[in-house]
PDB file of N, CA and C in Angstrom:
ATOM      1  N   MET A   1      83.492 100.317  97.684  1.00  0.00           N
ATOM      2  CA  MET A   1      85.136 101.036  97.426  1.00  0.00           C
ATOM      3  C   MET A   1      85.209 100.851  95.815  1.00  0.00           C
ATOM      4  N   ARG A   2      85.409 101.653  94.754  1.00  0.00           N
ATOM      5  CA  ARG A   2      86.047 101.422  93.436  1.00  0.00           C
ATOM      6  C   ARG A   2      86.940 102.458  93.487  1.00  0.00           C
ATOM      7  N   ARG A   3      87.733 101.566  92.051  1.00  0.00           N
ATOM      8  CA  ARG A   3      89.136 102.093  91.649  1.00  0.00           C
ATOM      9  C   ARG A   3      88.993 102.855  90.107  1.00  0.00           C
ATOM     10  N   LYS A   4      88.747 103.766  90.088  1.00  0.00           N
ATOM     11  CA  LYS A   4      89.069 103.932  88.437  1.00  0.00           C
ATOM     12  C   LYS A   4      90.379 104.684  88.255  1.00  0.00           C
ATOM     13  N   ARG A   5      90.831 104.112  87.124  1.00  0.00           N
ATOM     14  CA  ARG A   5      92.357 104.866  86.893  1.00  0.00           C
ATOM     15  C   ARG A   5      92.217 106.564  85.863  1.00  0.00           C
ATOM     16  N   ILE A   6      92.601 107.328  86.323  1.00  0.00           N
ATOM     17  CA  ILE A   6      92.425 108.788  85.509  1.00  0.00           C
ATOM     18  C   ILE A   6      94.051 109.002  85.570  1.00  0.00           C
ATOM     19  N   ASN A   7      94.450 108.671  84.264  1.00  0.00           N
ATOM     20  CA  ASN A   7      95.768 109.296  83.947  1.00  0.00           C
ATOM     21  C   ASN A   7      96.084 110.563  84.470  1.00  0.00           C
ATOM     22  N   GLY A   8      97.629 110.863  85.135  1.00  0.00           N
ATOM     23  CA  GLY A   8      98.108 112.234  85.351  1.00  0.00           C
ATOM     24  C   GLY A   8      98.298 112.105  87.006  1.00  0.00           C
ATOM     25  N   ILE A   9      97.462 111.568  87.558  1.00  0.00           N
ATOM     26  CA  ILE A   9      97.147 111.698  88.935  1.00  0.00           C
ATOM     27  C   ILE A   9      97.786 110.593  89.426  1.00  0.00           C
ATOM     28  N   PRO A  10      98.430 110.814  90.857  1.00  0.00           N
ATOM     29  CA  PRO A  10      98.677 109.450  91.646  1.00  0.00           C
ATOM     30  C   PRO A  10      97.936 108.465  91.533  1.00  0.00           C
ATOM     31  N   PRO A  11      98.055 107.407  92.187  1.00  0.00           N
ATOM     32  CA  PRO A  11      97.537 105.932  92.628  1.00  0.00           C
ATOM     33  C   PRO A  11      96.566 106.212  93.729  1.00  0.00           C
ATOM     34  N   TYR A  12      95.033 105.704  93.457  1.00  0.00           N
ATOM     35  CA  TYR A  12      93.991 106.084  94.557  1.00  0.00           C
ATOM     36  C   TYR A  12      93.060 104.918  94.484  1.00  0.00           C
ATOM     37  N   VAL A  13      92.162 105.203  95.682  1.00  0.00           N
ATOM     38  CA  VAL A  13      91.233 104.183  95.852  1.00  0.00           C
ATOM     39  C   VAL A  13      89.763 105.007  96.345  1.00  0.00           C
ATOM     40  N   VAL A  14      88.738 104.678  96.130  1.00  0.00           N
ATOM     41  CA  VAL A  14      87.515 105.580  96.343  1.00  0.00           C
ATOM     42  C   VAL A  14      86.932 104.554  97.405  1.00  0.00           C
ATOM     43  N   LEU A  15      87.011 105.117  98.711  1.00  0.00           N
ATOM     44  CA  LEU A  15      85.660 104.821 100.158  1.00  0.00           C
ATOM     45  C   LEU A  15      84.150 105.233  99.415  1.00  0.00           C
ATOM     46  N   ASP A  16      83.752 104.900  98.650  1.00  0.00           N
ATOM     47  CA  ASP A  16      82.261 105.477  98.490  1.00  0.00           C
ATOM     48  C   ASP A  16      81.608 105.519 100.086  1.00  0.00           C
ATOM     49  N   ASN A  17      81.213 104.070 101.035  1.00  0.00           N
ATOM     50  CA  ASN A  17      80.772 104.112 102.112  1.00  0.00           C
ATOM     51  C   ASN A  17      81.446 105.448 103.045  1.00  0.00           C
ATOM     52  N   GLU A  18      82.575 105.723 102.838  1.00  0.00           N
ATOM     53  CA  GLU A  18      82.875 107.058 104.065  1.00  0.00           C
ATOM     54  C   GLU A  18      83.202 108.405 103.419  1.00  0.00           C
ATOM     55  N   LYS A  19      82.943 108.298 101.665  1.00  0.00           N
ATOM     56  CA  LYS A  19      83.048 109.676 100.765  1.00  0.00           C
ATOM     57  C   LYS A  19      84.854 109.793 101.027  1.00  0.00           C
ATOM     58  N   LYS A  20      85.637 108.725 100.931  1.00  0.00           N
ATOM     59  CA  LYS A  20      87.308 109.124 101.074  1.00  0.00           C
ATOM     60  C   LYS A  20      87.752 108.587  99.890  1.00  0.00           C
ATOM     61  N   VAL A  21      88.729 109.578  99.259  1.00  0.00           N
ATOM     62  CA  VAL A  21      89.318 109.298  98.146  1.00  0.00           C
ATOM     63  C   VAL A  21      91.002 108.951  98.634  1.00  0.00           C
ATOM     64  N   MET A  22      91.568 107.939  98.890  1.00  0.00           N
ATOM     65  CA  MET A  22      92.919 107.682  99.705  1.00  0.00           C
ATOM     66  C   MET A  22      94.141 108.076  98.230  1.00  0.00           C
ATOM     67  N   PHE A  23      94.610 108.483  98.325  1.00  0.00           N
ATOM     68  CA  PHE A  23      95.494 108.251  97.725  1.00  0.00           C
ATOM     69  C   PHE A  23      97.022 108.139  98.221  1.00  0.00           C
ATOM     70  N   HIS A  24      97.902 107.490  97.098  1.00  0.00           N
ATOM     71  CA  HIS A  24      99.219 106.823  97.666  1.00  0.00           C
ATOM     72  C   HIS A  24     100.612 108.108  97.181  1.00  0.00           C
ATOM     73  N   ILE A  25     100.663 108.738  97.955  1.00  0.00           N
ATOM     74  CA  ILE A  25     101.675 109.990  97.783  1.00  0.00           C
ATOM     75  C   ILE A  25     102.720 109.616  98.466  1.00  0.00           C
ATOM     76  N   PRO A  26     103.670 108.880  98.120  1.00  0.00           N
ATOM     77  CA  PRO A  26     104.827 108.151  99.519  1.00  0.00           C
ATOM     78  C   PRO A  26     105.979 109.151 100.000  1.00  0.00           C
ATOM     79  N   ASN A  27     105.843 110.636  99.058  1.00  0.00           N
ATOM     80  CA  ASN A  27     106.868 111.631  99.715  1.00  0.00           C
ATOM     81  C   ASN A  27     106.201 112.751  99.612  1.00  0.00           C
ATOM     82  N   GLY A  28     105.054 113.118 100.103  1.00  0.00           N
ATOM     83  CA  GLY A  28     103.851 114.082 100.364  1.00  0.00           C
ATOM     84  C   GLY A  28     104.246 115.183  99.552  1.00  0.00           C
ATOM     85  N   PHE A  29     104.449 116.160 100.879  1.00  0.00           N
ATOM     86  CA  PHE A  29     104.788 117.594 100.099  1.00  0.00           C
ATOM     87  C   PHE A  29     106.152 117.451  98.911  1.00  0.00           C
ATOM     88  N   PRO A  30     105.635 117.876  97.741  1.00  0.00           N
ATOM     89  CA  PRO A  30     105.167 119.215  97.524  1.00  0.00           C
ATOM     90  C   PRO A  30     103.838 118.594  96.282  1.00  0.00           C
ATOM     91  N   THR A  31     103.671 117.470  96.344  1.00  0.00           N
ATOM     92  CA  THR A  31     103.130 116.180  95.302  1.00  0.00           C
ATOM     93  C   THR A  31     101.300 116.784  95.764  1.00  0.00           C
ATOM     94  N   THR A  32     101.384 116.958  97.775  1.00  0.00           N
ATOM     95  CA  THR A  32     100.010 116.817  98.002  1.00  0.00           C
ATOM     96  C   THR A  32      99.563 117.890  97.707  1.00  0.00           C
ATOM     97  N   ILE A  33      99.912 119.273  97.222  1.00  0.00           N
ATOM     98  CA  ILE A  33      99.350 120.531  97.153  1.00  0.00           C
ATOM     99  C   ILE A  33      98.088 120.441  95.844  1.00  0.00           C
ATOM    100  N   ILE A  34      98.401 119.023  94.922  1.00  0.00           N
ATOM    101  CA  ILE A  34      97.633 118.868  93.967  1.00  0.00           C
ATOM    102  C   ILE A  34      96.117 118.627  94.527  1.00  0.00           C
ATOM    103  N   ILE A  35      96.066 117.931  95.634  1.00  0.00           N
ATOM    104  CA  ILE A  35      95.024 117.038  95.983  1.00  0.00           C
ATOM    105  C   ILE A  35      93.300 118.152  95.676  1.00  0.00           C
ATOM    106  N   PRO A  36      93.337 119.157  96.533  1.00  0.00           N
ATOM    107  CA  PRO A  36      92.519 120.162  96.640  1.00  0.00           C
ATOM    108  C   PRO A  36      91.557 119.959  94.645  1.00  0.00           C
ATOM    109  N   SER A  37      92.469 120.505  94.237  1.00  0.00           N
ATOM    110  CA  SER A  37      92.321 120.447  92.204  1.00  0.00           C
ATOM    111  C   SER A  37      91.752 119.249  92.177  1.00  0.00           C
ATOM    112  N   LEU A  38      92.321 117.973  92.121  1.00  0.00           N
ATOM    113  CA  LEU A  38      92.001 116.911  91.387  1.00  0.00           C
ATOM    114  C   LEU A  38      90.786 116.615  92.471  1.00  0.00           C
ATOM    115  N   MET A  39      90.418 116.997  93.635  1.00  0.00           N
ATOM    116  CA  MET A  39      89.012 116.364  93.678  1.00  0.00           C
ATOM    117  C   MET A  39      87.910 117.129  93.603  1.00  0.00           C
ATOM    118  N   ARG A  40      87.895 118.320  93.194  1.00  0.00           N
ATOM    119  CA  ARG A  40      86.917 119.258  92.658  1.00  0.00           C
ATOM    120  C   ARG A  40      86.791 118.931  91.367  1.00  0.00           C
ATOM    121  N   LYS A  41      87.572 118.307  90.584  1.00  0.00           N
ATOM    122  CA  LYS A  41      87.833 118.022  89.218  1.00  0.00           C
ATOM    123  C   LYS A  41      87.233 116.553  88.760  1.00  0.00           C
ATOM    124  N   HIS A  42      87.930 115.851  89.547  1.00  0.00           N
ATOM    125  CA  HIS A  42      87.416 114.352  89.634  1.00  0.00           C
ATOM    126  C   HIS A  42      86.375 113.965  90.058  1.00  0.00           C
ATOM    127  N   PHE A  43      85.926 114.313  91.129  1.00  0.00           N
ATOM    128  CA  PHE A  43      85.624 113.388  92.512  1.00  0.00           C
ATOM    129  C   PHE A  43      84.123 114.482  93.169  1.00  0.00           C
ATOM    130  N   PRO A  44      83.080 113.600  93.549  1.00  0.00           N
ATOM    131  CA  PRO A  44      81.979 114.603  93.995  1.00  0.00           C
ATOM    132  C   PRO A  44      82.149 115.217  95.041  1.00  0.00           C
ATOM    133  N   GLU A  45      81.030 116.236  95.067  1.00  0.00           N
ATOM    134  CA  GLU A  45      81.448 117.476  95.967  1.00  0.00           C
ATOM    135  C   GLU A  45      81.223 116.129  97.364  1.00  0.00           C
ATOM    136  N   GLY A  46      81.796 116.814  98.476  1.00  0.00           N
ATOM    137  CA  GLY A  46      81.973 116.526  99.702  1.00  0.00           C
ATOM    138  C   GLY A  46      82.653 114.975  99.880  1.00  0.00           C
ATOM    139  N   TYR A  47      83.745 114.594  98.906  1.00  0.00           N
ATOM    140  CA  TYR A  47      84.067 113.233  98.806  1.00  0.00           C
ATOM    141  C   TYR A  47      85.584 114.089  99.873  1.00  0.00           C
ATOM    142  N   ARG A  48      86.348 113.537 100.518  1.00  0.00           N
ATOM    143  CA  ARG A  48      87.349 113.723 101.207  1.00  0.00           C
ATOM    144  C   ARG A  48      88.930 113.323 100.368  1.00  0.00           C
ATOM    145  N   GLY A  49      89.732 113.966 100.341  1.00  0.00           N
ATOM    146  CA  GLY A  49      91.080 113.017  99.378  1.00  0.00           C
ATOM    147  C   GLY A  49      92.182 113.349 100.554  1.00  0.00           C
ATOM    148  N   LEU A  50      92.474 111.970 101.123  1.00  0.00           N
ATOM    149  CA  LEU A  50      93.363 111.720 102.011  1.00  0.00           C
ATOM    150  C   LEU A  50      94.821 111.171 101.649  1.00  0.00           C
ATOM    151  N   VAL A  51      95.887 111.564 102.066  1.00  0.00           N
ATOM    152  CA  VAL A  51      96.833 111.097 101.587  1.00  0.00           C
ATOM    153  C   VAL A  51      97.446 109.735 102.291  1.00  0.00           C
ATOM    154  N   VAL A  52      98.175 108.502 101.589  1.00  0.00           N
ATOM    155  CA  VAL A  52      98.250 107.514 102.521  1.00  0.00           C
ATOM    156  C   VAL A  52     100.290 107.182 101.841  1.00  0.00           C
ATOM    157  N   LYS A  53     101.154 107.655 102.719  1.00  0.00           N
ATOM    158  CA  LYS A  53     102.175 107.607 102.235  1.00  0.00           C
ATOM    159  C   LYS A  53     102.811 106.075 102.338  1.00  0.00           C
ATOM    160  N   ASP A  54     102.659 105.071 103.129  1.00  0.00           N
ATOM    161  CA  ASP A  54     102.872 104.020 103.636  1.00  0.00           C
ATOM    162  C   ASP A  54     102.476 102.701 102.596  1.00  0.00           C
ATOM    163  N   ALA A  55     103.270 102.052 101.595  1.00  0.00           N
ATOM    164  CA  ALA A  55     102.878 101.682 100.426  1.00  0.00           C
ATOM    165  C   ALA A  55     102.382 100.361 100.569  1.00  0.00           C
ATOM    166  N   GLU A  56     102.612  99.500 102.348  1.00  0.00           N
ATOM    167  CA  GLU A  56     101.679  98.459 102.776  1.00  0.00           C
ATOM    168  C   GLU A  56     100.347  98.687 103.077  1.00  0.00           C
ATOM    169  N   ALA A  57      99.751 100.276 103.513  1.00  0.00           N
ATOM    170  CA  ALA A  57      98.997 100.523 104.095  1.00  0.00           C
ATOM    171  C   ALA A  57      98.156 100.555 102.683  1.00  0.00           C
ATOM    172  N   PHE A  58      98.495 101.119 101.646  1.00  0.00           N
ATOM    173  CA  PHE A  58      97.575 101.567 100.761  1.00  0.00           C
ATOM    174  C   PHE A  58      97.292 100.421  99.848  1.00  0.00           C
ATOM    175  N   LYS A  59      98.525  99.561  99.683  1.00  0.00           N
ATOM    176  CA  LYS A  59      98.202  97.866  99.080  1.00  0.00           C
ATOM    177  C   LYS A  59      96.625  97.619 100.256  1.00  0.00           C
ATOM    178  N   ASP A  60      96.581  97.265 101.788  1.00  0.00           N
ATOM    179  CA  ASP A  60      95.780  97.126 102.332  1.00  0.00           C
ATOM    180  C   ASP A  60      94.485  97.504 101.698  1.00  0.00           C
ATOM    181  N   TYR A  61      94.324  98.970 101.538  1.00  0.00           N
ATOM    182  CA  TYR A  61      93.202  99.678 100.908  1.00  0.00           C
ATOM    183  C   TYR A  61      92.559  98.888  99.501  1.00  0.00           C
ATOM    184  N   GLN A  62      93.912  99.137  98.990  1.00  0.00           N
ATOM    185  CA  GLN A  62      93.509  97.960  97.052  1.00  0.00           C
ATOM    186  C   GLN A  62      92.983  96.750  97.515  1.00  0.00           C
ATOM    187  N   GLN A  63      93.672  95.738  98.617  1.00  0.00           N
ATOM    188  CA  GLN A  63      93.082  94.423  98.577  1.00  0.00           C
ATOM    189  C   GLN A  63      91.835  94.485  99.076  1.00  0.00           C
ATOM    190  N   GLU A  64      91.530  95.495 100.293  1.00  0.00           N
ATOM    191  CA  GLU A  64      90.182  95.698 100.542  1.00  0.00           C
ATOM    192  C   GLU A  64      89.094  95.431  99.527  1.00  0.00           C
ATOM    193  N   GLN A  65      89.240  96.720  98.595  1.00  0.00           N
ATOM    194  CA  GLN A  65      88.532  96.905  97.437  1.00  0.00           C
ATOM    195  C   GLN A  65      88.319  96.134  96.680  1.00  0.00           C
ATOM    196  N   GLU A  66      89.205  94.675  96.302  1.00  0.00           N
ATOM    197  CA  GLU A  66      89.405  94.069  95.817  1.00  0.00           C
ATOM    198  C   GLU A  66      88.178  92.820  96.126  1.00  0.00           C
ATOM    199  N   ASN A  67      87.861  92.695  97.218  1.00  0.00           N
ATOM    200  CA  ASN A  67      87.062  91.877  97.987  1.00  0.00           C
ATOM    201  C   ASN A  67      85.803  92.257  98.081  1.00  0.00           C
TER     202      ASN A  67
END
């Protein structure tokens, strides 16, 4: 896992081994509409963008990454 900060996009954690990017977007729609364009612009091809609404679940992903 890695976490890189890109200004102007929601908080996220990259799970390289699973080719996933977990975005913390608590309110969901309409913010979720930007995920496909963010994925094309900032992340490698083949990675999937997923939304985590729950703050505690997102915090768990962040803590996993730090270990």
